[in-house]
Amino acid sequence: MFVIIAGAGVIGARVAKVLVEHDHDVVVIDIDKDVCESIYSETGAMTIHSSATDIRTLYDAGAKKADMIVCLMRNDADNISCALLAKSLGLEQVVARLRIPQYKQAYQIAGIQSIVDMSELLLDRIIMEIENPKVKKVFTVGAEKAGVYAIHINEEAKVVGQKIKDIAQDKKFPDESVFMGIYRKEIDEFLIPRGNHILKENDLIFIVSKSEFIQQASEFLTVKDKKKRKTREKEA
């Protein structure tokens, strides 16, 4: 894809680096000349030292033929302005960072399809770390009604040795949570889980779940087996 990144702060620079590594064509716009030079030297991405709220800059960046623009400037008003100007040049796919929640409606009125609410993402992460530190939220899906979560299976977990289908059919495991992947670090393999797959210790499980059921699912998957603990204590 051909992607324009407007704003090369910490997030913009990292997004540019990852996109280049994934073989996308990237143009970065930023008002800081030193930042532009740094990104060019580190990633090889084309950079333009100018304001992304100037339609001439967007034109020079190739907005008429780009597939997407990512608005990551520090000011919400600048991001909205950039998105509207890009759309006027025919660039419809816009991803924008929302910094101040009160601007959300303005982003929607501007026709921006993908709004990344940074404060909400951070809030979700903090609450998750407080209430359920065993779970890591990978990303949100379905208009924030659900998410993809990663859960580490401890060596003493009761589910070690159980089949996926038996876990899914257990009445204590929520119907609103579904297995979508298993990563086994020791063999560096990602498995698409089937019913007969058996969980092993240190598996990293990925499940998609409605937010209100993730705690129930994680408790089921991480509860420890008392017999296994006693056995390990004796062996120690």
Protein backbone atom coordinates (compact mmCIF):
# COMPACT_ATOMS: atom_id res chain seq x y z
CA MET A 1 0.00 0.00 0.00
CA PHE A 2 0.96 3.62 -0.45
CA VAL A 3 0.51 5.31 2.94
CA ILE A 4 0.99 8.95 3.95
CA ILE A 5 1.74 9.62 7.63
CA ALA A 6 0.94 13.12 8.83
CA GLY A 7 2.88 13.80 12.02
CA ALA A 8 6.05 12.01 13.02
CA GLY A 9 6.03 12.05 16.80
CA VAL A 10 6.84 8.91 18.76
CA ILE A 11 3.86 6.98 17.39
CA GLY A 12 4.14 8.32 13.84
CA ALA A 13 7.82 7.41 13.65
CA ARG A 14 7.14 3.87 14.90
CA VAL A 15 4.23 3.40 12.51
CA ALA A 16 6.44 4.53 9.63
CA LYS A 17 9.21 2.11 10.64
CA VAL A 18 6.85 -0.87 10.84
CA LEU A 19 5.11 -0.05 7.55
CA VAL A 20 8.46 0.22 5.75
CA GLU A 21 9.54 -3.11 7.25
CA HIS A 22 6.30 -4.56 5.87
CA ASP A 23 7.25 -3.31 2.39
CA HIS A 24 4.67 -0.54 2.14
CA ASP A 25 5.44 2.70 0.32
CA VAL A 26 5.51 5.43 2.96
CA VAL A 27 5.66 9.23 2.84
CA VAL A 28 6.04 11.05 6.17
CA ILE A 29 5.09 14.71 6.66
CA ASP A 30 6.28 16.68 9.69
CA ILE A 31 7.01 20.29 10.55
CA ASP A 32 10.26 19.36 12.33
CA LYS A 33 13.18 19.20 9.90
CA ASP A 34 15.40 17.18 12.28
CA VAL A 35 12.64 14.61 12.76
CA CYS A 36 12.22 14.26 9.00
CA GLU A 37 15.95 13.70 8.52
CA SER A 38 16.05 11.19 11.36
CA ILE A 39 13.17 9.13 9.95
CA TYR A 40 14.68 9.16 6.47
CA SER A 41 18.06 7.97 7.76
CA GLU A 42 16.53 5.26 9.96
CA THR A 43 13.81 3.91 7.65
CA GLY A 44 14.49 5.15 4.13
CA ALA A 45 10.92 6.45 3.95
CA MET A 46 10.42 9.61 1.90
CA THR A 47 9.87 12.61 4.18
CA ILE A 48 8.47 16.08 3.56
CA HIS A 49 9.37 18.90 5.91
CA SER A 50 6.13 20.89 5.92
CA SER A 51 2.66 21.12 7.45
CA ALA A 52 0.15 18.37 6.65
CA THR A 53 -2.62 20.98 7.00
CA ASP A 54 -1.41 22.59 3.76
CA ILE A 55 -3.19 21.16 0.71
CA ARG A 56 -0.12 21.79 -1.45
CA THR A 57 1.95 19.60 0.87
CA LEU A 58 -0.59 16.79 0.67
CA TYR A 59 -0.63 17.09 -3.12
CA ASP A 60 3.19 16.90 -3.24
CA ALA A 61 3.08 13.89 -0.91
CA GLY A 62 0.95 12.07 -3.47
CA ALA A 63 -2.47 12.21 -1.82
CA LYS A 64 -4.21 11.84 -5.18
CA LYS A 65 -2.78 8.35 -5.67
CA ALA A 66 -2.20 7.21 -2.06
CA ASP A 67 -4.25 4.38 -0.58
CA MET A 68 -4.47 5.80 2.93
CA ILE A 69 -3.45 8.70 5.14
CA VAL A 70 -2.74 8.32 8.86
CA CYS A 71 -3.24 11.55 10.81
CA LEU A 72 -1.07 11.47 13.94
CA MET A 73 -0.43 15.11 14.70
CA ARG A 74 -0.54 16.42 18.25
CA ASN A 75 -3.56 18.65 17.67
CA ASP A 76 -7.00 17.15 16.95
CA ALA A 77 -8.02 20.18 14.91
CA ASP A 78 -4.95 19.68 12.70
CA ASN A 79 -5.81 16.00 12.21
CA ILE A 80 -9.38 16.87 11.18
CA SER A 81 -8.16 19.59 8.83
CA CYS A 82 -5.62 17.23 7.26
CA ALA A 83 -8.27 14.53 6.79
CA LEU A 84 -10.70 16.93 5.10
CA LEU A 85 -8.01 18.26 2.75
CA ALA A 86 -6.90 14.74 1.88
CA LYS A 87 -10.50 13.79 1.11
CA SER A 88 -10.82 16.84 -1.14
CA LEU A 89 -7.94 15.37 -3.15
CA GLY A 90 -9.78 12.07 -3.48
CA LEU A 91 -8.10 10.15 -0.65
CA GLU A 92 -10.95 8.43 1.18
CA GLN A 93 -9.17 6.04 3.54
CA VAL A 94 -8.26 7.99 6.68
CA VAL A 95 -7.03 6.75 10.04
CA ALA A 96 -6.74 9.42 12.72
CA ARG A 97 -5.58 9.62 16.32
CA LEU A 98 -8.06 11.15 18.75
CA ARG A 99 -6.34 12.86 21.67
CA ILE A 100 -9.18 14.83 23.31
CA PRO A 101 -12.47 12.84 23.53
CA GLN A 102 -14.60 15.95 23.00
CA TYR A 103 -13.38 16.02 19.39
CA LYS A 104 -14.81 12.58 18.58
CA GLN A 105 -18.04 13.89 17.04
CA ALA A 106 -16.08 16.37 14.93
CA TYR A 107 -13.99 13.47 13.55
CA GLN A 108 -17.18 11.57 12.73
CA ILE A 109 -18.79 14.58 11.04
CA ALA A 110 -15.61 14.95 8.97
CA GLY A 111 -16.25 11.41 7.69
CA ILE A 112 -13.17 9.82 9.24
CA GLN A 113 -13.85 6.08 9.29
CA SER A 114 -11.13 4.91 11.65
CA ILE A 115 -10.64 6.89 14.85
CA VAL A 116 -8.06 5.63 17.33
CA ASP A 117 -8.99 6.94 20.77
CA MET A 118 -5.66 6.99 22.60
CA SER A 119 -7.06 7.91 26.02
CA GLU A 120 -9.58 5.06 25.86
CA LEU A 121 -6.91 2.55 24.81
CA LEU A 122 -4.71 3.67 27.68
CA LEU A 123 -7.60 3.58 30.12
CA ASP A 124 -8.54 0.04 29.04
CA ARG A 125 -4.94 -1.09 29.50
CA ILE A 126 -4.61 0.45 32.95
CA ILE A 127 -7.91 -1.01 34.17
CA MET A 128 -6.93 -4.40 32.75
CA GLU A 129 -3.59 -4.29 34.55
CA ILE A 130 -5.37 -3.44 37.81
CA GLU A 131 -8.32 -5.82 37.62
CA ASN A 132 -6.91 -8.69 35.61
CA PRO A 133 -3.11 -8.65 35.32
CA LYS A 134 -3.01 -12.20 33.90
CA VAL A 135 -4.61 -10.97 30.68
CA LYS A 136 -3.13 -8.77 27.98
CA LYS A 137 -5.50 -7.04 25.58
CA VAL A 138 -4.13 -7.29 22.05
CA PHE A 139 -6.69 -5.09 20.32
CA THR A 140 -10.34 -4.08 20.34
CA VAL A 141 -12.92 -5.31 17.84
CA GLY A 142 -16.59 -4.69 17.09
CA ALA A 143 -16.84 -1.03 18.02
CA GLU A 144 -15.13 -1.76 21.35
CA LYS A 145 -17.76 -4.34 22.36
CA ALA A 146 -15.18 -7.12 22.35
CA GLY A 147 -11.47 -7.70 22.19
CA VAL A 148 -8.69 -10.13 21.39
CA TYR A 149 -6.82 -11.15 24.53
CA ALA A 150 -3.63 -13.08 25.27
CA ILE A 151 -3.47 -15.35 28.32
CA HIS A 152 -0.40 -17.27 29.49
CA ILE A 153 -1.06 -20.83 30.63
CA ASN A 154 0.88 -21.46 33.81
CA GLU A 155 2.58 -24.82 34.29
CA GLU A 156 0.28 -25.54 37.25
CA ALA A 157 -2.92 -24.53 35.42
CA LYS A 158 -5.76 -26.99 35.63
CA VAL A 159 -6.39 -26.81 31.87
CA VAL A 160 -2.92 -28.15 30.98
CA GLY A 161 -3.52 -31.48 29.25
CA GLN A 162 -7.14 -30.70 28.37
CA LYS A 163 -8.58 -30.55 24.85
CA ILE A 164 -9.92 -27.28 23.46
CA LYS A 165 -13.33 -28.82 22.82
CA ASP A 166 -13.62 -30.02 26.43
CA ILE A 167 -12.76 -26.56 27.75
CA ALA A 168 -15.20 -24.84 25.38
CA GLN A 169 -18.00 -27.20 26.43
CA ASP A 170 -17.41 -26.73 30.14
CA LYS A 171 -20.33 -24.85 31.70
CA LYS A 172 -17.94 -22.61 33.62
CA PHE A 173 -16.24 -21.41 30.43
CA PRO A 174 -18.24 -18.51 28.88
CA ASP A 175 -19.94 -19.11 25.52
CA GLU A 176 -19.01 -15.54 24.60
CA SER A 177 -15.28 -16.39 24.54
CA VAL A 178 -13.75 -18.32 21.63
CA PHE A 179 -10.23 -19.68 21.06
CA MET A 180 -8.51 -18.19 18.02
CA GLY A 181 -4.84 -19.10 18.40
CA ILE A 182 -2.12 -20.83 20.41
CA TYR A 183 1.52 -19.76 20.39
CA ARG A 184 4.12 -22.30 21.55
CA LYS A 185 7.33 -20.45 22.19
CA GLU A 186 9.55 -23.51 22.61
CA ILE A 187 8.86 -24.62 19.04
CA ASP A 188 8.14 -21.10 17.75
CA GLU A 189 4.82 -22.19 16.22
CA PHE A 190 1.42 -20.53 16.04
CA LEU A 191 -1.46 -23.00 15.95
CA ILE A 192 -4.99 -22.40 14.75
CA PRO A 193 -6.82 -24.34 17.47
CA ARG A 194 -9.10 -27.25 16.68
CA GLY A 195 -11.22 -29.23 19.07
CA ASN A 196 -8.65 -31.96 19.63
CA HIS A 197 -5.71 -29.64 20.29
CA ILE A 198 -4.41 -30.14 23.84
CA LEU A 199 -3.20 -27.21 25.91
CA LYS A 200 0.36 -27.38 27.21
CA GLU A 201 2.13 -25.50 29.94
CA ASN A 202 3.50 -22.11 28.86
CA ASP A 203 1.12 -21.92 25.89
CA LEU A 204 0.11 -18.35 25.05
CA ILE A 205 -3.60 -18.47 24.27
CA PHE A 206 -5.38 -15.91 22.11
CA ILE A 207 -9.13 -15.65 22.53
CA VAL A 208 -11.77 -13.27 21.23
CA SER A 209 -14.27 -12.36 23.91
CA LYS A 210 -16.91 -9.87 24.88
CA SER A 211 -15.28 -7.55 27.39
CA GLU A 212 -17.56 -8.46 30.27
CA PHE A 213 -16.67 -12.17 29.99
CA ILE A 214 -12.87 -12.00 29.72
CA GLN A 215 -12.35 -12.18 33.48
CA GLN A 216 -14.45 -15.34 33.74
CA ALA A 217 -12.55 -16.90 30.84
CA SER A 218 -9.13 -15.96 32.22
CA GLU A 219 -9.97 -17.30 35.68
CA PHE A 220 -11.02 -20.61 34.14
CA LEU A 221 -7.84 -20.86 32.08
CA THR A 222 -5.42 -19.87 34.84
CA VAL A 223 -6.86 -21.53 37.93
CA LYS A 224 -4.19 -23.78 39.44
CA ASP A 225 -4.45 -27.50 39.97
CA LYS A 226 -3.75 -28.24 43.66
CA LYS A 227 -2.49 -31.77 42.89
CA LYS A 228 0.03 -30.45 40.35
CA ARG A 229 1.24 -27.88 42.86
CA LYS A 230 1.73 -30.48 45.61
CA THR A 231 3.55 -32.78 43.20
CA ARG A 232 5.92 -29.99 42.17
CA GLU A 233 6.50 -29.04 45.80
CA LYS A 234 7.47 -32.66 46.61
CA GLU A 235 9.77 -32.83 43.58
CA ALA A 236 11.43 -29.59 44.68
